[in-house]
Amino acid sequence: MKNLLTSSRYIINNGKLLWQSDGNNNDGLSRCFTLDGKEEELETNSSGSDVDETSELCFNLKRSKLNPITELSAHLKHFIYLSEEEEYNLTSVFLLLSYCTDLFNRIPYMWIQGNKGSGKTTLMTVMKPLIANPVWASETTASPLFRIVDKMSPTLFLDESENLKKRGSSNNQIFQILNSGYQKDGTVIRSVGTIPVTFRTYGLKILAGINPLFPTLEDRCIVLRLSQPPETFNLGYFGGDNPEVSQPLVELMHSSLRSKMSDLIQFIENPTELGIDNKVRLREFDKWFPVLAIAKLFSTSRNNYFNRLQKYALEQIGRKEEAELTLPENMCKGILKDFLTDKAARTKVDDPNFFFFRTEEIQGVIKTTDPHNSYRNNA
C-alpha cells in the first residue's frame, strides 16, 4: 500500500483521473481532471489516502504518457480482425474524435461494411464503452432520436444501415439526421403539434451494414471494409464492457487530448500546418481533416500515424475515383460527350446550341465503345 500524499502517481477513481504532486513538495491538494475538461482542487487530509498499487486502475507516471492511438489499437486487436494496421489506427482516431467533435465544423462518419460474420456488430460493441455518449440508434425510434441528438450530441451507432432504404418507414426520419449531422450547423425542422421546431443533428455516427448506402450518405463516410479473419488468426471473446479495462483507456484518451488541446486548436485554425496532400480536397478534405489532425497530434518518430493515415486516405480516394469512372452512367456520359464533340458539325436543328441525333445512332456508338457492355441494349 502507498500513501497518496507521498507518492507521484496517477490514480483512477470513480471515472476521474486524480493527480497528486510530488510528496517532497506537497501543498495538501489533489487536482482532479474530469471528462469534461474542467479542473477541480480537492482537499485531502493530512494522513493521506491508501492506494492499492496492484489495482488495474492505477496509472503510474510512465503509463500516463502512453500513446492513446497505440494503446487503443492494441486493445482492438484482441477482439477484431482488420486487414491493415492503419485500420486499427483509424478506428482509434475515431474514438478520440468523439471527445472533441465540437472543435470541428465538419466531421466524417464511419461506415463499417462487410458480409455476415465479418465482425461488424462486434466492432461496434467493442467501440461503444470507449466512445463519447454512445446511443445505439438501431434500438431507438425516430421520434425521440431527434430530441436525443439535439440535447445530448451523442455518438450514434446504427447497425444494418441498409434498412434506411425502406421507404415509407420511420427509418427515413433517421436518414434526415444522418444527412445533415456531419456539419456543425446541421439541423432538421419538424412539426411538434402545429409548431415548427428546429433540432440540431450534429454529431459522430458509426454505421454498419452489408449493402451500399445512399450515395449522399456514403459520401459523408470513411469506409472500413471488414472480412472474416483467417483461420490462423486468434481473436478473444468480447463479453461486454469491463470498466477495469475501458475506464483507464477513456481516461487516457481524455488526458492525452487535454494535454494536446492547444496544438489541436492551432491545426484547426491553420490547416496548412498539417501538410495535407493536395489530392485530399473538397469533400474528401472535410472528411479526412479531423482524422489527420488528431493523427498528427500523437505521431512520433517511431509511429508516424499522420503519414500512415494520409497514405491510407490517398489510397481510398484513388480507389473511389477509379470506381466512379467505371460506373455505367459515367461511362455513358463520357461516350456521349465524345460523340457530340466529334459530330458537332452535323447538327440536325437550326439552333447551334442544340444537337439532334437518331436514338439508334447513339445506341450504336455506345454498343461499339462501351468495353464492359454495361449499357448495351439499354441505351
Protein backbone atom coordinates (compact mmCIF):
# COMPACT_ATOMS: atom_id res chain seq x y z
CA MET A 1 0.00 0.00 0.00
CA LYS A 2 1.18 3.54 -0.78
CA ASN A 3 0.20 6.86 0.71
CA LEU A 4 -1.33 9.13 -1.95
CA LEU A 5 0.26 12.24 -0.42
CA THR A 6 3.81 10.89 -0.57
CA SER A 7 3.71 9.25 -3.98
CA SER A 8 3.96 10.70 -7.50
CA ARG A 9 1.17 8.74 -9.09
CA TYR A 10 -1.84 8.92 -11.39
CA ILE A 11 -4.93 7.32 -9.90
CA ILE A 12 -8.27 6.42 -11.49
CA ASN A 13 -11.13 6.80 -9.06
CA ASN A 14 -14.86 6.77 -9.87
CA GLY A 15 -14.26 7.67 -13.50
CA LYS A 16 -11.87 10.53 -12.71
CA LEU A 17 -8.14 10.90 -13.20
CA LEU A 18 -6.58 12.12 -9.94
CA TRP A 19 -3.12 13.69 -9.87
CA GLN A 20 -1.00 14.33 -6.78
CA SER A 21 2.14 16.48 -6.74
CA ASP A 22 5.46 15.09 -5.54
CA GLY A 23 5.45 14.21 -1.83
CA ASN A 24 8.55 16.32 -1.18
CA ASN A 25 6.71 19.46 -2.22
CA ASN A 26 3.18 18.69 -1.10
CA ASP A 27 0.69 21.50 -0.69
CA GLY A 28 -2.08 19.28 0.60
CA LEU A 29 -4.16 19.48 -2.57
CA SER A 30 -5.03 16.99 -5.30
CA ARG A 31 -6.15 18.08 -8.73
CA CYS A 32 -8.97 16.27 -10.48
CA PHE A 33 -9.28 16.27 -14.28
CA THR A 34 -12.85 15.38 -15.17
CA LEU A 35 -14.08 14.09 -18.52
CA ASP A 36 -15.49 17.49 -19.49
CA GLY A 37 -12.02 19.03 -19.22
CA LYS A 38 -12.60 21.01 -16.01
CA GLU A 39 -10.12 21.15 -13.15
CA GLU A 40 -11.15 20.96 -9.52
CA GLU A 41 -8.97 21.19 -6.43
CA LEU A 42 -9.83 18.58 -3.81
CA GLU A 43 -8.85 18.82 -0.17
CA THR A 44 -7.08 15.83 1.34
CA ASN A 45 -6.47 15.04 4.99
CA SER A 46 -3.01 15.04 6.48
CA SER A 47 -2.88 11.29 6.82
CA GLY A 48 -3.44 10.80 3.11
CA SER A 49 -5.37 8.02 1.39
CA ASP A 50 -4.29 4.45 0.92
CA VAL A 51 -3.98 3.27 -2.67
CA ASP A 52 -3.54 -0.31 -3.78
CA GLU A 53 -0.60 -0.38 -6.20
CA THR A 54 -1.76 -3.66 -7.70
CA SER A 55 -5.06 -2.17 -8.90
CA GLU A 56 -5.55 -2.16 -12.68
CA LEU A 57 -6.98 1.34 -12.26
CA CYS A 58 -3.66 2.71 -11.04
CA PHE A 59 -1.65 4.80 -13.52
CA ASN A 60 1.99 5.47 -12.74
CA LEU A 61 3.71 8.40 -14.40
CA LYS A 62 5.18 6.27 -17.19
CA ARG A 63 1.85 4.73 -18.15
CA SER A 64 0.09 8.07 -18.12
CA LYS A 65 2.32 9.16 -21.02
CA LEU A 66 1.43 6.23 -23.26
CA ASN A 67 0.24 6.99 -26.78
CA PRO A 68 -3.56 6.66 -26.94
CA ILE A 69 -3.61 5.53 -30.59
CA THR A 70 -1.07 2.80 -29.81
CA GLU A 71 -2.96 1.61 -26.73
CA LEU A 72 -6.39 1.69 -28.37
CA SER A 73 -5.11 -0.15 -31.45
CA ALA A 74 -3.63 -2.86 -29.23
CA HIS A 75 -6.95 -3.19 -27.39
CA LEU A 76 -8.94 -3.51 -30.63
CA LYS A 77 -6.61 -6.24 -31.92
CA HIS A 78 -7.71 -8.53 -29.08
CA PHE A 79 -11.26 -8.72 -30.45
CA ILE A 80 -11.39 -7.55 -34.09
CA TYR A 81 -9.68 -8.63 -37.29
CA LEU A 82 -8.83 -5.78 -39.67
CA SER A 83 -6.77 -6.45 -42.77
CA GLU A 84 -4.49 -3.40 -42.40
CA GLU A 85 -2.68 -1.90 -39.43
CA GLU A 86 -3.88 1.56 -40.49
CA GLU A 87 -7.48 0.46 -39.97
CA TYR A 88 -6.82 -0.14 -36.27
CA ASN A 89 -5.22 3.31 -36.11
CA LEU A 90 -8.18 4.85 -37.97
CA THR A 91 -10.70 3.29 -35.58
CA SER A 92 -8.65 4.53 -32.62
CA VAL A 93 -8.65 8.07 -34.04
CA PHE A 94 -12.45 7.93 -34.38
CA LEU A 95 -12.67 7.07 -30.68
CA LEU A 96 -10.53 10.11 -29.87
CA LEU A 97 -12.52 12.29 -32.28
CA SER A 98 -15.73 11.54 -30.39
CA TYR A 99 -14.41 13.58 -27.44
CA CYS A 100 -13.65 16.72 -29.44
CA THR A 101 -16.22 16.90 -32.26
CA ASP A 102 -17.33 20.39 -31.23
CA LEU A 103 -13.94 21.78 -32.22
CA PHE A 104 -14.55 20.95 -35.90
CA ASN A 105 -17.02 22.45 -38.38
CA ARG A 106 -17.42 19.13 -40.20
CA ILE A 107 -16.69 15.55 -39.21
CA PRO A 108 -16.81 12.22 -41.06
CA TYR A 109 -18.98 9.25 -40.30
CA MET A 110 -17.58 5.74 -40.16
CA TRP A 111 -19.26 3.16 -42.37
CA ILE A 112 -18.37 -0.41 -41.39
CA GLN A 113 -19.17 -2.61 -44.38
CA GLY A 114 -18.83 -6.36 -44.57
CA ASN A 115 -20.62 -9.65 -45.13
CA LYS A 116 -22.31 -11.63 -42.38
CA GLY A 117 -19.85 -12.93 -39.85
CA SER A 118 -17.16 -10.35 -40.61
CA GLY A 119 -17.38 -8.72 -37.18
CA LYS A 120 -19.33 -5.51 -37.87
CA THR A 121 -21.54 -5.69 -34.79
CA THR A 122 -18.64 -6.90 -32.65
CA LEU A 123 -16.54 -3.90 -33.65
CA MET A 124 -19.35 -1.52 -32.76
CA THR A 125 -19.85 -3.30 -29.43
CA VAL A 126 -16.14 -3.02 -28.61
CA MET A 127 -16.14 0.69 -29.53
CA LYS A 128 -19.27 1.55 -27.55
CA PRO A 129 -17.81 1.66 -23.98
CA LEU A 130 -14.83 3.68 -25.22
CA ILE A 131 -16.62 6.33 -27.24
CA ALA A 132 -18.27 9.55 -26.04
CA ASN A 133 -22.03 9.49 -25.28
CA PRO A 134 -22.94 6.32 -27.21
CA VAL A 135 -26.53 5.74 -28.33
CA TRP A 136 -27.49 2.54 -30.17
CA ALA A 137 -29.90 4.03 -32.70
CA SER A 138 -30.98 0.64 -34.06
CA GLU A 139 -32.92 0.21 -30.83
CA THR A 140 -34.36 3.75 -30.83
CA THR A 141 -37.38 5.02 -32.74
CA ALA A 142 -37.05 8.16 -34.83
CA SER A 143 -39.31 10.41 -32.75
CA PRO A 144 -37.23 10.50 -29.53
CA LEU A 145 -34.00 10.28 -31.50
CA PHE A 146 -34.37 13.87 -32.77
CA ARG A 147 -34.51 15.06 -29.15
CA ILE A 148 -31.67 12.79 -28.01
CA VAL A 149 -29.34 14.07 -30.74
CA ASP A 150 -30.37 17.69 -30.14
CA LYS A 151 -29.85 17.61 -26.36
CA MET A 152 -27.02 15.10 -25.90
CA SER A 153 -24.94 15.35 -29.10
CA PRO A 154 -24.28 11.61 -28.82
CA THR A 155 -22.32 9.18 -30.95
CA LEU A 156 -24.98 7.27 -32.88
CA PHE A 157 -24.46 3.59 -33.61
CA LEU A 158 -26.68 2.32 -36.41
CA ASP A 159 -26.42 -1.35 -37.34
CA GLU A 160 -27.99 -2.77 -40.53
CA SER A 161 -27.93 0.72 -42.01
CA GLU A 162 -29.11 -0.52 -45.41
CA ASN A 163 -32.61 -0.66 -43.88
CA LEU A 164 -32.72 3.12 -44.32
CA LYS A 165 -33.66 2.42 -47.93
CA LYS A 166 -37.05 1.13 -46.86
CA ARG A 167 -39.34 3.91 -47.97
CA GLY A 168 -42.43 4.86 -46.02
CA SER A 169 -40.93 3.90 -42.64
CA SER A 170 -39.56 5.88 -39.72
CA ASN A 171 -36.09 4.99 -40.96
CA ASN A 172 -36.36 7.85 -43.44
CA GLN A 173 -36.59 10.25 -40.49
CA ILE A 174 -33.35 8.79 -39.10
CA PHE A 175 -31.86 9.36 -42.53
CA GLN A 176 -32.67 13.08 -42.16
CA ILE A 177 -30.46 13.17 -39.06
CA LEU A 178 -27.65 11.39 -40.86
CA ASN A 179 -27.88 13.51 -43.98
CA SER A 180 -27.36 16.81 -42.16
CA GLY A 181 -25.49 15.84 -39.00
CA TYR A 182 -21.96 15.81 -40.39
CA GLN A 183 -21.69 19.62 -40.19
CA LYS A 184 -21.78 21.69 -37.04
CA ASP A 185 -24.74 23.84 -38.12
CA GLY A 186 -26.73 20.81 -39.29
CA THR A 187 -30.41 20.97 -38.33
CA VAL A 188 -33.77 19.42 -39.14
CA ILE A 189 -37.12 21.21 -38.77
CA ARG A 190 -40.02 19.08 -37.58
CA SER A 191 -43.55 19.91 -36.55
CA VAL A 192 -44.31 19.36 -32.87
CA GLY A 193 -48.05 19.66 -32.85
CA THR A 194 -48.60 22.70 -35.04
CA ILE A 195 -45.32 24.39 -34.15
CA PRO A 196 -42.17 24.00 -36.30
CA VAL A 197 -39.20 23.12 -34.08
CA THR A 198 -35.53 23.10 -35.11
CA PHE A 199 -33.43 20.16 -33.91
CA ARG A 200 -29.62 20.07 -34.04
CA THR A 201 -28.30 16.93 -35.75
CA TYR A 202 -24.52 17.39 -35.47
CA GLY A 203 -22.51 14.53 -34.04
CA LEU A 204 -20.44 11.44 -34.80
CA LYS A 205 -22.20 8.49 -36.44
CA ILE A 206 -20.98 4.90 -36.73
CA LEU A 207 -22.90 2.91 -39.36
CA ALA A 208 -22.67 -0.77 -40.22
CA GLY A 209 -24.23 -2.90 -42.94
CA ILE A 210 -23.80 -5.28 -45.85
CA ASN A 211 -25.29 -3.43 -48.82
CA PRO A 212 -24.39 0.01 -50.23
CA LEU A 213 -25.75 3.19 -48.66
CA PHE A 214 -27.45 6.08 -50.41
CA PRO A 215 -24.74 7.88 -52.41
CA THR A 216 -25.27 11.13 -50.47
CA LEU A 217 -24.80 9.34 -47.15
CA GLU A 218 -21.89 7.25 -48.38
CA ASP A 219 -20.17 10.46 -49.45
CA ARG A 220 -20.12 11.57 -45.80
CA CYS A 221 -18.43 8.36 -44.64
CA ILE A 222 -14.95 6.96 -44.31
CA VAL A 223 -15.37 3.31 -45.23
CA LEU A 224 -13.95 0.47 -43.16
CA ARG A 225 -14.39 -2.82 -45.02
CA LEU A 226 -14.34 -5.93 -42.88
CA SER A 227 -13.72 -9.53 -43.89
CA GLN A 228 -13.67 -12.78 -41.97
CA PRO A 229 -10.33 -13.44 -40.27
CA PRO A 230 -8.02 -16.21 -41.47
CA GLU A 231 -8.30 -19.48 -39.58
CA THR A 232 -4.86 -18.88 -38.07
CA PHE A 233 -5.91 -15.52 -36.60
CA ASN A 234 -6.96 -15.95 -32.96
CA LEU A 235 -9.42 -13.46 -31.51
CA GLY A 236 -10.53 -13.03 -27.94
CA TYR A 237 -14.19 -13.06 -26.96
CA PHE A 238 -15.65 -9.68 -26.03
CA GLY A 239 -18.15 -10.43 -23.30
CA GLY A 240 -19.23 -6.85 -22.70
CA ASP A 241 -17.89 -3.74 -21.04
CA ASN A 242 -15.26 -4.31 -18.37
CA PRO A 243 -14.77 -0.96 -16.61
CA GLU A 244 -11.36 -2.04 -15.31
CA VAL A 245 -10.23 -2.13 -18.94
CA SER A 246 -12.36 0.52 -20.64
CA GLN A 247 -12.21 3.24 -17.99
CA PRO A 248 -8.40 3.60 -17.99
CA LEU A 249 -8.49 3.81 -21.80
CA VAL A 250 -11.17 6.50 -21.67
CA GLU A 251 -9.15 8.44 -19.12
CA LEU A 252 -6.02 8.05 -21.23
CA MET A 253 -7.86 9.49 -24.25
CA HIS A 254 -9.16 12.40 -22.24
CA SER A 255 -5.90 13.30 -20.53
CA SER A 256 -3.95 12.91 -23.79
CA LEU A 257 -6.33 15.16 -25.73
CA ARG A 258 -6.31 17.67 -22.92
CA SER A 259 -2.55 17.90 -22.95
CA LYS A 260 -2.55 18.43 -26.74
CA MET A 261 -5.55 20.76 -26.94
CA SER A 262 -3.60 23.90 -27.82
CA ASP A 263 -1.84 22.08 -30.68
CA LEU A 264 -5.15 20.74 -31.99
CA ILE A 265 -6.72 24.19 -31.98
CA GLN A 266 -3.67 25.51 -33.81
CA PHE A 267 -4.16 22.89 -36.56
CA ILE A 268 -7.86 23.75 -36.83
CA GLU A 269 -7.15 27.47 -37.16
CA ASN A 270 -4.25 26.89 -39.59
CA PRO A 271 -4.96 23.69 -41.57
CA THR A 272 -1.98 24.23 -43.89
CA GLU A 273 0.34 23.48 -40.96
CA LEU A 274 -0.63 19.81 -41.23
CA GLY A 275 0.85 19.49 -44.70
CA ILE A 276 -2.06 17.51 -46.12
CA ASP A 277 -1.57 16.32 -49.70
CA ASN A 278 -3.37 18.42 -52.35
CA LYS A 279 -5.16 15.30 -53.57
CA VAL A 280 -7.17 15.37 -50.35
CA ARG A 281 -9.54 18.17 -51.32
CA LEU A 282 -13.16 19.35 -51.29
CA ARG A 283 -15.46 16.81 -49.59
CA GLU A 284 -12.56 14.42 -49.04
CA PHE A 285 -10.69 17.15 -47.16
CA ASP A 286 -13.75 17.79 -44.97
CA LYS A 287 -13.84 14.09 -44.09
CA TRP A 288 -10.16 13.43 -43.55
CA PHE A 289 -9.04 16.70 -41.91
CA PRO A 290 -10.28 15.84 -38.36
CA VAL A 291 -8.76 12.35 -38.63
CA LEU A 292 -5.39 13.60 -39.87
CA ALA A 293 -5.30 16.45 -37.33
CA ILE A 294 -5.71 14.03 -34.43
CA ALA A 295 -3.26 11.57 -36.00
CA LYS A 296 -0.71 14.40 -36.23
CA LEU A 297 -1.11 15.16 -32.52
CA PHE A 298 0.03 11.72 -31.47
CA SER A 299 2.57 10.95 -34.21
CA THR A 300 6.09 10.15 -33.10
CA SER A 301 9.31 9.31 -34.90
CA ARG A 302 8.59 5.66 -34.21
CA ASN A 303 4.87 5.73 -35.06
CA ASN A 304 4.04 8.42 -37.60
CA TYR A 305 0.29 7.97 -37.56
CA PHE A 306 -0.22 11.06 -39.71
CA ASN A 307 1.84 9.64 -42.59
CA ARG A 308 0.22 6.23 -42.25
CA LEU A 309 -3.33 7.53 -42.30
CA GLN A 310 -2.69 10.07 -45.04
CA LYS A 311 -1.32 7.28 -47.23
CA TYR A 312 -4.38 5.21 -46.37
CA ALA A 313 -6.64 8.18 -47.21
CA LEU A 314 -4.97 8.68 -50.60
CA GLU A 315 -5.42 5.00 -51.41
CA GLN A 316 -9.12 5.18 -50.51
CA ILE A 317 -9.61 8.34 -52.55
CA GLY A 318 -7.84 6.77 -55.53
CA ARG A 319 -9.99 3.64 -55.38
CA LYS A 320 -13.13 5.74 -55.12
CA GLU A 321 -12.20 7.87 -58.14
CA GLU A 322 -11.39 4.77 -60.19
CA ALA A 323 -14.69 3.17 -59.23
CA GLU A 324 -16.60 6.32 -60.18
CA LEU A 325 -15.02 6.36 -63.64
CA THR A 326 -16.25 2.82 -64.33
CA LEU A 327 -19.82 3.43 -63.18
CA PRO A 328 -22.13 2.68 -66.15
CA GLU A 329 -23.77 6.11 -66.04
CA ASN A 330 -20.41 7.90 -66.04
CA MET A 331 -19.11 5.71 -68.87
CA CYS A 332 -22.22 6.50 -70.87
CA LYS A 333 -21.82 10.24 -70.23
CA GLY A 334 -18.23 10.07 -71.43
CA ILE A 335 -19.21 8.22 -74.58
CA LEU A 336 -21.98 10.70 -75.41
CA LYS A 337 -19.72 13.67 -74.71
CA ASP A 338 -17.14 12.36 -77.18
CA PHE A 339 -19.84 11.54 -79.69
CA LEU A 340 -21.33 15.04 -79.57
CA THR A 341 -17.90 16.61 -79.83
CA ASP A 342 -16.98 14.54 -82.88
CA LYS A 343 -20.35 15.08 -84.61
CA ALA A 344 -20.98 18.69 -83.62
CA ALA A 345 -20.77 19.90 -87.23
CA ARG A 346 -23.57 17.54 -88.27
CA THR A 347 -26.32 19.23 -86.29
CA LYS A 348 -29.92 18.45 -87.24
CA VAL A 349 -31.52 21.66 -86.00
CA ASP A 350 -31.08 25.33 -86.84
CA ASP A 351 -30.07 26.44 -83.36
CA PRO A 352 -26.31 25.76 -82.95
CA ASN A 353 -26.73 25.33 -79.19
CA PHE A 354 -28.64 22.08 -79.68
CA PHE A 355 -27.94 18.77 -81.42
CA PHE A 356 -30.30 16.19 -82.74
CA PHE A 357 -29.30 12.58 -83.48
CA ARG A 358 -31.32 9.48 -84.02
CA THR A 359 -31.54 7.17 -80.99
CA GLU A 360 -30.27 4.12 -82.89
CA GLU A 361 -27.21 6.10 -83.97
CA ILE A 362 -26.28 6.95 -80.38
CA GLN A 363 -27.06 3.40 -79.30
CA GLY A 364 -24.74 2.08 -81.96
CA VAL A 365 -21.91 4.24 -80.65
CA ILE A 366 -22.47 3.02 -77.09
CA LYS A 367 -22.51 -0.62 -78.19
CA THR A 368 -19.26 -0.14 -80.03
CA THR A 369 -17.45 1.95 -77.43
CA ASP A 370 -18.57 0.56 -74.07
CA PRO A 371 -15.89 -2.03 -73.17
CA HIS A 372 -17.86 -3.50 -70.25
CA ASN A 373 -21.16 -3.92 -72.14
CA SER A 374 -22.79 -2.04 -69.29
CA TYR A 375 -25.27 -0.20 -71.48
CA ARG A 376 -25.65 -2.49 -74.47
CA ASN A 377 -29.29 -2.79 -75.47
CA ASN A 378 -30.15 -0.34 -72.67
CA ALA A 379 -29.07 2.94 -74.19
